[in-house]
N, C-alpha and C. Protein backbone atom coordinates (compact mmCIF):
# COMPACT_ATOMS: atom_id res chain seq x y z
N MET A 1 -26.42 12.34 -20.76
CA MET A 1 -25.23 12.62 -19.97
C MET A 1 -24.08 11.70 -20.38
N LYS A 2 -24.39 10.39 -20.50
CA LYS A 2 -23.36 9.44 -20.90
C LYS A 2 -22.86 9.76 -22.30
N ARG A 3 -23.76 10.20 -23.15
CA ARG A 3 -23.37 10.55 -24.52
C ARG A 3 -22.42 11.74 -24.52
N THR A 4 -22.68 12.73 -23.67
CA THR A 4 -21.80 13.89 -23.57
C THR A 4 -20.40 13.47 -23.14
N PHE A 5 -20.31 12.61 -22.14
CA PHE A 5 -19.00 12.14 -21.69
C PHE A 5 -18.30 11.33 -22.77
N ALA A 6 -19.05 10.52 -23.49
CA ALA A 6 -18.46 9.73 -24.58
C ALA A 6 -17.88 10.65 -25.64
N LEU A 7 -18.61 11.72 -25.98
CA LEU A 7 -18.10 12.68 -26.96
C LEU A 7 -16.86 13.39 -26.46
N LEU A 8 -16.87 13.79 -25.20
CA LEU A 8 -15.71 14.47 -24.63
C LEU A 8 -14.49 13.56 -24.62
N PHE A 9 -14.66 12.31 -24.22
CA PHE A 9 -13.53 11.39 -24.18
C PHE A 9 -13.04 11.08 -25.59
N ALA A 10 -13.96 11.00 -26.56
CA ALA A 10 -13.54 10.79 -27.96
C ALA A 10 -12.71 11.97 -28.45
N LEU A 11 -13.13 13.18 -28.11
CA LEU A 11 -12.38 14.37 -28.49
C LEU A 11 -10.99 14.35 -27.87
N ILE A 12 -10.91 14.00 -26.61
CA ILE A 12 -9.62 13.94 -25.92
C ILE A 12 -8.75 12.85 -26.54
N PHE A 13 -9.33 11.70 -26.79
CA PHE A 13 -8.58 10.59 -27.38
C PHE A 13 -8.04 10.97 -28.75
N LEU A 14 -8.89 11.54 -29.58
CA LEU A 14 -8.46 11.91 -30.92
C LEU A 14 -7.43 13.04 -30.89
N SER A 15 -7.55 13.94 -29.94
CA SER A 15 -6.60 15.05 -29.87
C SER A 15 -5.22 14.59 -29.41
N SER A 16 -5.12 13.43 -28.81
CA SER A 16 -3.82 12.93 -28.37
C SER A 16 -2.98 12.42 -29.52
N PHE A 17 -3.55 12.32 -30.73
CA PHE A 17 -2.81 11.86 -31.89
C PHE A 17 -2.42 13.01 -32.81
N THR A 18 -2.31 14.20 -32.27
CA THR A 18 -1.96 15.35 -33.09
C THR A 18 -0.46 15.46 -33.26
N THR A 19 -0.05 16.25 -34.23
CA THR A 19 1.37 16.49 -34.44
C THR A 19 1.84 17.60 -33.52
N LYS A 20 3.14 17.89 -33.57
CA LYS A 20 3.70 18.92 -32.71
C LYS A 20 2.99 20.25 -32.91
N ASP A 21 2.66 20.61 -34.14
CA ASP A 21 1.98 21.86 -34.43
C ASP A 21 0.47 21.63 -34.48
N HIS A 22 -0.08 21.11 -33.43
CA HIS A 22 -1.50 20.80 -33.40
C HIS A 22 -2.32 22.08 -33.41
N GLU A 23 -3.56 21.97 -33.82
CA GLU A 23 -4.44 23.13 -33.85
C GLU A 23 -5.53 23.03 -32.80
N THR A 24 -5.53 21.98 -32.02
CA THR A 24 -6.48 21.82 -30.94
C THR A 24 -5.84 22.30 -29.66
N TYR A 25 -6.42 23.30 -29.06
CA TYR A 25 -5.88 23.84 -27.81
C TYR A 25 -6.86 23.46 -26.71
N LEU A 26 -6.52 22.38 -26.01
CA LEU A 26 -7.44 21.78 -25.07
C LEU A 26 -6.69 21.26 -23.85
N SER A 27 -7.25 21.49 -22.70
CA SER A 27 -6.77 20.83 -21.49
C SER A 27 -7.98 20.18 -20.83
N VAL A 28 -7.71 19.16 -20.06
CA VAL A 28 -8.78 18.49 -19.31
C VAL A 28 -8.36 18.44 -17.85
N THR A 29 -9.23 18.92 -17.00
CA THR A 29 -8.97 18.92 -15.56
C THR A 29 -10.09 18.18 -14.85
N GLU A 30 -9.69 17.25 -13.99
CA GLU A 30 -10.65 16.49 -13.19
C GLU A 30 -10.43 16.85 -11.73
N ILE A 31 -11.51 17.24 -11.08
CA ILE A 31 -11.48 17.60 -9.67
C ILE A 31 -12.38 16.63 -8.93
N GLU A 32 -11.82 15.94 -7.94
CA GLU A 32 -12.61 14.95 -7.22
C GLU A 32 -12.48 15.18 -5.71
N TYR A 33 -13.62 15.16 -5.05
CA TYR A 33 -13.63 15.32 -3.59
C TYR A 33 -13.38 13.98 -2.92
N ASN A 34 -12.38 13.94 -2.06
CA ASN A 34 -12.08 12.75 -1.27
C ASN A 34 -12.53 13.05 0.15
N LYS A 35 -13.73 12.62 0.47
CA LYS A 35 -14.34 12.94 1.77
C LYS A 35 -13.53 12.41 2.95
N PRO A 36 -13.08 11.13 2.95
CA PRO A 36 -12.30 10.64 4.10
C PRO A 36 -11.02 11.45 4.36
N LYS A 37 -10.37 11.90 3.28
CA LYS A 37 -9.13 12.67 3.44
C LYS A 37 -9.38 14.17 3.52
N LYS A 38 -10.65 14.58 3.37
CA LYS A 38 -11.02 15.99 3.35
C LYS A 38 -10.12 16.77 2.39
N SER A 39 -10.08 16.28 1.16
CA SER A 39 -9.23 16.94 0.16
C SER A 39 -9.91 16.95 -1.20
N LEU A 40 -9.48 17.89 -2.01
CA LEU A 40 -9.85 17.91 -3.41
C LEU A 40 -8.62 17.44 -4.16
N GLN A 41 -8.77 16.41 -4.95
CA GLN A 41 -7.66 15.89 -5.74
C GLN A 41 -7.90 16.28 -7.19
N VAL A 42 -6.91 16.94 -7.77
CA VAL A 42 -7.03 17.54 -9.09
C VAL A 42 -6.00 16.91 -10.01
N ILE A 43 -6.45 16.50 -11.17
CA ILE A 43 -5.56 16.00 -12.22
C ILE A 43 -5.84 16.83 -13.46
N SER A 44 -4.78 17.48 -13.96
CA SER A 44 -4.92 18.33 -15.14
C SER A 44 -3.96 17.85 -16.22
N ARG A 45 -4.46 17.77 -17.45
CA ARG A 45 -3.65 17.32 -18.59
C ARG A 45 -3.50 18.47 -19.58
N VAL A 46 -2.24 18.79 -19.92
CA VAL A 46 -1.94 19.83 -20.90
C VAL A 46 -0.90 19.32 -21.88
N PHE A 47 -0.93 19.83 -23.10
CA PHE A 47 0.07 19.44 -24.08
C PHE A 47 1.44 19.98 -23.65
N ILE A 48 2.46 19.14 -23.78
CA ILE A 48 3.82 19.48 -23.35
C ILE A 48 4.31 20.74 -24.05
N ASP A 49 4.22 20.78 -25.37
CA ASP A 49 4.77 21.92 -26.11
C ASP A 49 4.06 23.23 -25.76
N ASP A 50 2.76 23.18 -25.53
CA ASP A 50 2.02 24.38 -25.15
C ASP A 50 2.43 24.87 -23.77
N PHE A 51 2.60 23.93 -22.85
CA PHE A 51 2.99 24.29 -21.48
C PHE A 51 4.40 24.89 -21.48
N GLU A 52 5.31 24.30 -22.26
CA GLU A 52 6.66 24.87 -22.40
C GLU A 52 6.58 26.29 -22.94
N ASP A 53 5.78 26.48 -24.00
CA ASP A 53 5.67 27.80 -24.63
C ASP A 53 5.16 28.85 -23.65
N VAL A 54 4.13 28.51 -22.91
CA VAL A 54 3.56 29.51 -22.00
C VAL A 54 4.53 29.83 -20.86
N LEU A 55 5.24 28.84 -20.36
CA LEU A 55 6.22 29.11 -19.30
C LEU A 55 7.38 29.93 -19.83
N ASN A 56 7.84 29.65 -21.04
CA ASN A 56 8.92 30.42 -21.65
C ASN A 56 8.52 31.89 -21.83
N LYS A 57 7.32 32.12 -22.33
CA LYS A 57 6.87 33.49 -22.59
C LYS A 57 6.58 34.24 -21.29
N ARG A 58 5.95 33.57 -20.35
CA ARG A 58 5.57 34.25 -19.11
C ARG A 58 6.78 34.58 -18.24
N TYR A 59 7.75 33.68 -18.19
CA TYR A 59 8.89 33.86 -17.27
C TYR A 59 10.20 34.18 -17.99
N GLN A 60 10.13 34.47 -19.30
CA GLN A 60 11.29 34.84 -20.11
C GLN A 60 12.50 33.94 -19.86
N ARG A 61 12.26 32.66 -19.94
CA ARG A 61 13.32 31.66 -19.76
C ARG A 61 13.25 30.64 -20.88
N ASP A 62 14.32 29.91 -21.06
CA ASP A 62 14.34 28.82 -22.03
C ASP A 62 14.07 27.53 -21.26
N ILE A 63 12.80 27.20 -21.13
CA ILE A 63 12.37 26.06 -20.32
C ILE A 63 12.05 24.88 -21.23
N SER A 64 12.62 23.74 -20.89
CA SER A 64 12.32 22.51 -21.59
C SER A 64 11.65 21.55 -20.62
N LEU A 65 10.62 20.90 -21.11
CA LEU A 65 9.93 19.88 -20.31
C LEU A 65 10.00 18.54 -21.02
N SER A 66 11.13 18.28 -21.65
CA SER A 66 11.29 17.09 -22.48
C SER A 66 11.61 15.82 -21.70
N TYR A 67 12.21 15.99 -20.53
CA TYR A 67 12.66 14.82 -19.77
C TYR A 67 12.05 14.84 -18.38
N LYS A 68 12.00 13.66 -17.78
CA LYS A 68 11.42 13.52 -16.44
C LYS A 68 12.09 14.46 -15.43
N ALA A 69 13.41 14.60 -15.52
CA ALA A 69 14.14 15.48 -14.60
C ALA A 69 13.70 16.94 -14.77
N ASP A 70 13.31 17.33 -16.00
CA ASP A 70 12.85 18.71 -16.25
C ASP A 70 11.60 19.03 -15.45
N LEU A 71 10.73 18.03 -15.29
CA LEU A 71 9.49 18.26 -14.55
C LEU A 71 9.78 18.63 -13.11
N GLU A 72 10.77 17.98 -12.51
CA GLU A 72 11.15 18.30 -11.12
C GLU A 72 11.90 19.63 -11.05
N THR A 73 12.79 19.86 -12.02
CA THR A 73 13.58 21.09 -12.05
C THR A 73 12.67 22.32 -12.13
N HIS A 74 11.60 22.24 -12.93
CA HIS A 74 10.73 23.39 -13.16
C HIS A 74 9.41 23.32 -12.39
N LYS A 75 9.37 22.46 -11.39
CA LYS A 75 8.14 22.29 -10.60
C LYS A 75 7.70 23.61 -9.97
N GLY A 76 8.64 24.38 -9.47
CA GLY A 76 8.31 25.66 -8.84
C GLY A 76 7.66 26.63 -9.82
N LEU A 77 8.19 26.71 -11.03
CA LEU A 77 7.61 27.60 -12.05
C LEU A 77 6.24 27.10 -12.48
N MET A 78 6.10 25.79 -12.62
CA MET A 78 4.80 25.24 -13.00
C MET A 78 3.76 25.56 -11.93
N GLU A 79 4.16 25.41 -10.66
CA GLU A 79 3.23 25.70 -9.56
C GLU A 79 2.89 27.19 -9.51
N LYS A 80 3.87 28.03 -9.77
CA LYS A 80 3.65 29.49 -9.79
C LYS A 80 2.63 29.85 -10.89
N TYR A 81 2.80 29.25 -12.06
CA TYR A 81 1.88 29.50 -13.16
C TYR A 81 0.47 29.00 -12.81
N LEU A 82 0.38 27.78 -12.32
CA LEU A 82 -0.92 27.21 -11.97
C LEU A 82 -1.62 28.02 -10.89
N ASP A 83 -0.84 28.58 -9.97
CA ASP A 83 -1.41 29.39 -8.89
C ASP A 83 -2.14 30.62 -9.44
N LYS A 84 -1.66 31.13 -10.57
CA LYS A 84 -2.30 32.29 -11.19
C LYS A 84 -3.46 31.91 -12.10
N LYS A 85 -3.43 30.69 -12.65
CA LYS A 85 -4.38 30.32 -13.69
C LYS A 85 -5.47 29.34 -13.27
N LEU A 86 -5.29 28.66 -12.14
CA LEU A 86 -6.27 27.69 -11.68
C LEU A 86 -6.66 28.02 -10.25
N LYS A 87 -7.92 28.38 -10.08
CA LYS A 87 -8.42 28.73 -8.75
C LYS A 87 -9.70 27.94 -8.48
N ILE A 88 -9.76 27.37 -7.29
CA ILE A 88 -10.94 26.61 -6.90
C ILE A 88 -11.45 27.18 -5.58
N THR A 89 -12.74 27.43 -5.54
CA THR A 89 -13.40 27.97 -4.36
C THR A 89 -14.52 27.02 -3.96
N VAL A 90 -14.59 26.66 -2.67
CA VAL A 90 -15.70 25.85 -2.17
C VAL A 90 -16.46 26.67 -1.15
N ASP A 91 -17.76 26.77 -1.37
CA ASP A 91 -18.64 27.54 -0.49
C ASP A 91 -18.04 28.90 -0.14
N GLY A 92 -17.46 29.58 -1.14
CA GLY A 92 -16.93 30.93 -0.96
C GLY A 92 -15.51 31.01 -0.43
N LYS A 93 -14.89 29.88 -0.12
CA LYS A 93 -13.53 29.88 0.42
C LYS A 93 -12.54 29.44 -0.67
N ILE A 94 -11.57 30.32 -0.97
CA ILE A 94 -10.55 30.00 -1.97
C ILE A 94 -9.60 28.97 -1.37
N LEU A 95 -9.34 27.91 -2.13
CA LEU A 95 -8.48 26.83 -1.65
C LEU A 95 -7.02 27.08 -2.03
N ASP A 96 -6.14 26.60 -1.18
CA ASP A 96 -4.71 26.64 -1.45
C ASP A 96 -4.35 25.35 -2.19
N LEU A 97 -3.97 25.48 -3.46
CA LEU A 97 -3.65 24.33 -4.28
C LEU A 97 -2.15 24.07 -4.26
N LYS A 98 -1.78 22.80 -4.15
CA LYS A 98 -0.38 22.42 -4.12
C LYS A 98 -0.11 21.43 -5.24
N LEU A 99 0.91 21.73 -6.05
CA LEU A 99 1.33 20.81 -7.10
C LEU A 99 2.14 19.70 -6.46
N LEU A 100 1.59 18.49 -6.47
CA LEU A 100 2.26 17.34 -5.85
C LEU A 100 3.34 16.77 -6.77
N GLY A 101 3.08 16.80 -8.06
CA GLY A 101 4.02 16.25 -9.02
C GLY A 101 3.41 16.20 -10.39
N SER A 102 4.15 15.61 -11.33
CA SER A 102 3.68 15.52 -12.70
C SER A 102 4.35 14.34 -13.39
N LYS A 103 3.78 13.95 -14.52
CA LYS A 103 4.35 12.86 -15.30
C LYS A 103 3.96 13.06 -16.76
N PHE A 104 4.64 12.33 -17.64
CA PHE A 104 4.34 12.36 -19.05
C PHE A 104 3.29 11.31 -19.39
N ASP A 105 2.45 11.63 -20.36
CA ASP A 105 1.53 10.66 -20.95
C ASP A 105 1.41 11.02 -22.42
N ALA A 106 2.13 10.30 -23.26
CA ALA A 106 2.22 10.60 -24.70
C ALA A 106 2.74 12.02 -24.87
N ASP A 107 1.96 12.90 -25.52
CA ASP A 107 2.41 14.28 -25.76
C ASP A 107 1.83 15.26 -24.74
N GLN A 108 1.42 14.74 -23.60
CA GLN A 108 0.84 15.58 -22.56
C GLN A 108 1.60 15.45 -21.24
N ILE A 109 1.44 16.48 -20.42
CA ILE A 109 1.93 16.43 -19.04
C ILE A 109 0.70 16.29 -18.16
N VAL A 110 0.75 15.35 -17.25
CA VAL A 110 -0.33 15.15 -16.28
C VAL A 110 0.14 15.78 -14.98
N LEU A 111 -0.63 16.75 -14.49
CA LEU A 111 -0.29 17.49 -13.28
C LEU A 111 -1.18 16.99 -12.13
N PHE A 112 -0.55 16.66 -11.01
CA PHE A 112 -1.27 16.18 -9.83
C PHE A 112 -1.27 17.29 -8.79
N ILE A 113 -2.46 17.76 -8.46
CA ILE A 113 -2.64 18.92 -7.59
C ILE A 113 -3.59 18.53 -6.47
N GLU A 114 -3.40 19.12 -5.29
CA GLU A 114 -4.28 18.79 -4.17
C GLU A 114 -4.55 20.01 -3.31
N ALA A 115 -5.75 20.04 -2.76
CA ALA A 115 -6.13 21.02 -1.73
C ALA A 115 -6.58 20.21 -0.53
N THR A 116 -6.01 20.48 0.63
CA THR A 116 -6.35 19.73 1.83
C THR A 116 -7.21 20.58 2.77
N GLY A 117 -7.76 19.91 3.78
CA GLY A 117 -8.58 20.60 4.76
C GLY A 117 -9.92 21.07 4.20
N VAL A 118 -10.48 20.29 3.28
CA VAL A 118 -11.73 20.67 2.62
C VAL A 118 -12.88 19.92 3.29
N ASP A 119 -13.72 20.67 3.99
CA ASP A 119 -14.91 20.07 4.60
C ASP A 119 -15.98 19.90 3.54
N ASP A 120 -17.00 19.13 3.88
CA ASP A 120 -18.11 18.90 2.97
C ASP A 120 -18.63 20.25 2.47
N PHE A 121 -19.13 20.30 1.26
CA PHE A 121 -19.52 21.56 0.65
C PHE A 121 -20.72 21.38 -0.26
N LYS A 122 -21.31 22.49 -0.66
CA LYS A 122 -22.44 22.49 -1.58
C LYS A 122 -22.05 23.07 -2.94
N LYS A 123 -21.20 24.10 -2.94
CA LYS A 123 -20.89 24.83 -4.17
C LYS A 123 -19.39 24.85 -4.45
N VAL A 124 -19.04 24.56 -5.70
CA VAL A 124 -17.65 24.65 -6.16
C VAL A 124 -17.60 25.62 -7.32
N SER A 125 -16.70 26.59 -7.21
CA SER A 125 -16.44 27.52 -8.30
C SER A 125 -15.03 27.26 -8.81
N VAL A 126 -14.89 27.23 -10.12
CA VAL A 126 -13.59 26.95 -10.73
C VAL A 126 -13.27 28.05 -11.73
N GLU A 127 -12.05 28.59 -11.61
CA GLU A 127 -11.50 29.47 -12.64
C GLU A 127 -10.34 28.70 -13.25
N ASN A 128 -10.46 28.38 -14.52
CA ASN A 128 -9.42 27.62 -15.21
C ASN A 128 -9.03 28.39 -16.46
N LEU A 129 -7.95 29.14 -16.36
CA LEU A 129 -7.44 29.95 -17.47
C LEU A 129 -6.10 29.43 -17.96
N ILE A 130 -5.85 28.14 -17.73
CA ILE A 130 -4.59 27.53 -18.17
C ILE A 130 -4.44 27.70 -19.68
N LEU A 131 -3.32 28.24 -20.10
CA LEU A 131 -2.93 28.45 -21.50
C LEU A 131 -3.76 29.47 -22.25
N THR A 132 -4.74 30.11 -21.63
CA THR A 132 -5.54 31.11 -22.34
C THR A 132 -4.74 32.38 -22.61
N ASP A 133 -3.65 32.60 -21.88
CA ASP A 133 -2.80 33.75 -22.17
C ASP A 133 -1.93 33.52 -23.40
N LEU A 134 -1.87 32.29 -23.88
CA LEU A 134 -1.09 31.95 -25.06
C LEU A 134 -1.98 31.71 -26.28
N PHE A 135 -3.14 31.09 -26.05
CA PHE A 135 -4.03 30.74 -27.16
C PHE A 135 -5.44 31.27 -26.89
N ASP A 136 -5.92 32.14 -27.77
CA ASP A 136 -7.28 32.66 -27.62
C ASP A 136 -8.33 31.57 -27.76
N SER A 137 -8.02 30.52 -28.52
CA SER A 137 -9.00 29.45 -28.74
C SER A 137 -8.87 28.29 -27.74
N GLN A 138 -8.06 28.48 -26.71
CA GLN A 138 -7.87 27.45 -25.68
C GLN A 138 -9.20 27.09 -25.02
N LYS A 139 -9.44 25.80 -24.88
CA LYS A 139 -10.62 25.31 -24.18
C LYS A 139 -10.16 24.44 -23.02
N ASN A 140 -10.70 24.67 -21.85
CA ASN A 140 -10.35 23.92 -20.66
C ASN A 140 -11.59 23.20 -20.15
N ILE A 141 -11.66 21.92 -20.44
CA ILE A 141 -12.77 21.11 -19.96
C ILE A 141 -12.47 20.75 -18.51
N THR A 142 -13.43 21.00 -17.65
CA THR A 142 -13.23 20.75 -16.22
C THR A 142 -14.39 19.93 -15.69
N HIS A 143 -14.06 18.78 -15.08
CA HIS A 143 -15.06 17.90 -14.47
C HIS A 143 -14.90 18.00 -12.96
N VAL A 144 -16.01 18.13 -12.26
CA VAL A 144 -16.00 18.15 -10.80
C VAL A 144 -16.84 16.97 -10.32
N LYS A 145 -16.21 16.14 -9.48
CA LYS A 145 -16.90 14.94 -8.99
C LYS A 145 -16.98 14.99 -7.47
N LYS A 146 -18.20 14.76 -6.98
CA LYS A 146 -18.43 14.65 -5.55
C LYS A 146 -19.34 13.44 -5.36
N GLY A 147 -18.82 12.42 -4.71
CA GLY A 147 -19.58 11.18 -4.58
C GLY A 147 -19.79 10.57 -5.95
N GLU A 148 -21.02 10.28 -6.29
CA GLU A 148 -21.34 9.69 -7.59
C GLU A 148 -21.73 10.74 -8.62
N LYS A 149 -21.83 11.99 -8.20
CA LYS A 149 -22.28 13.05 -9.10
C LYS A 149 -21.09 13.74 -9.77
N ILE A 150 -21.19 13.91 -11.09
CA ILE A 150 -20.15 14.59 -11.86
C ILE A 150 -20.80 15.74 -12.61
N GLU A 151 -20.22 16.92 -12.48
CA GLU A 151 -20.65 18.10 -13.22
C GLU A 151 -19.48 18.54 -14.09
N SER A 152 -19.77 18.97 -15.31
CA SER A 152 -18.72 19.37 -16.24
C SER A 152 -18.94 20.80 -16.70
N MET A 153 -17.83 21.45 -17.04
CA MET A 153 -17.90 22.81 -17.55
C MET A 153 -16.83 23.00 -18.62
N LEU A 154 -17.14 23.85 -19.57
CA LEU A 154 -16.19 24.21 -20.61
C LEU A 154 -15.79 25.66 -20.36
N LEU A 155 -14.51 25.86 -20.03
CA LEU A 155 -14.03 27.19 -19.71
C LEU A 155 -13.09 27.68 -20.80
N THR A 156 -13.25 28.95 -21.17
CA THR A 156 -12.47 29.57 -22.24
C THR A 156 -11.91 30.89 -21.75
N LYS A 157 -11.17 31.55 -22.60
CA LYS A 157 -10.61 32.86 -22.25
C LYS A 157 -11.74 33.84 -21.95
N ALA A 158 -12.80 33.81 -22.73
CA ALA A 158 -13.93 34.73 -22.55
C ALA A 158 -14.78 34.38 -21.33
N LYS A 159 -14.88 33.10 -21.02
CA LYS A 159 -15.65 32.64 -19.86
C LYS A 159 -14.78 31.66 -19.09
N GLY A 160 -13.92 32.22 -18.25
CA GLY A 160 -12.91 31.42 -17.57
C GLY A 160 -13.34 30.81 -16.25
N ASN A 161 -14.55 31.14 -15.78
CA ASN A 161 -14.97 30.54 -14.52
C ASN A 161 -16.43 30.14 -14.57
N SER A 162 -16.75 29.18 -13.70
CA SER A 162 -18.11 28.69 -13.61
C SER A 162 -18.27 28.01 -12.25
N SER A 163 -19.50 27.77 -11.87
CA SER A 163 -19.79 27.13 -10.59
C SER A 163 -20.76 25.98 -10.77
N VAL A 164 -20.67 25.03 -9.86
CA VAL A 164 -21.62 23.92 -9.81
C VAL A 164 -22.10 23.77 -8.38
N ILE A 165 -23.33 23.32 -8.25
CA ILE A 165 -23.92 23.10 -6.92
C ILE A 165 -24.27 21.63 -6.79
N PHE A 166 -23.88 21.06 -5.66
CA PHE A 166 -24.14 19.65 -5.39
C PHE A 166 -25.25 19.51 -4.36
């Protein structure tokens, strides 16, 4: 298990040194249950240029995410896109996800998302189709953490959803 995580983190680390025209289409999403706050806290990392491209094509606009102010200006469109591409269900109940904000980290955008009012659960289902409408080879690594237990899934255009049981 530790070896798998080490390989995944090495892949993520190495992919952060790509050029603008990178050939690795990868996002990483971490979902963590915060029991005291009864919330799922989600952090998703996507390449800036890919996210710009998908928003431009989907909403037929000239969207730039180059500056910090752009992230706030286009927050509504980013949330609209995420609402269609990222779905989390706990024990059969679809959660309402809210984009809290975002920031830059090298050539990636880090998206902070939250679902509140989440009671303790046994099963989490995740549909993560972020950027799969732009890149057929897009891979979305998704980690779900509850307490000390972490389950991981690799989601693609062909297999965009999966479930874990705690």
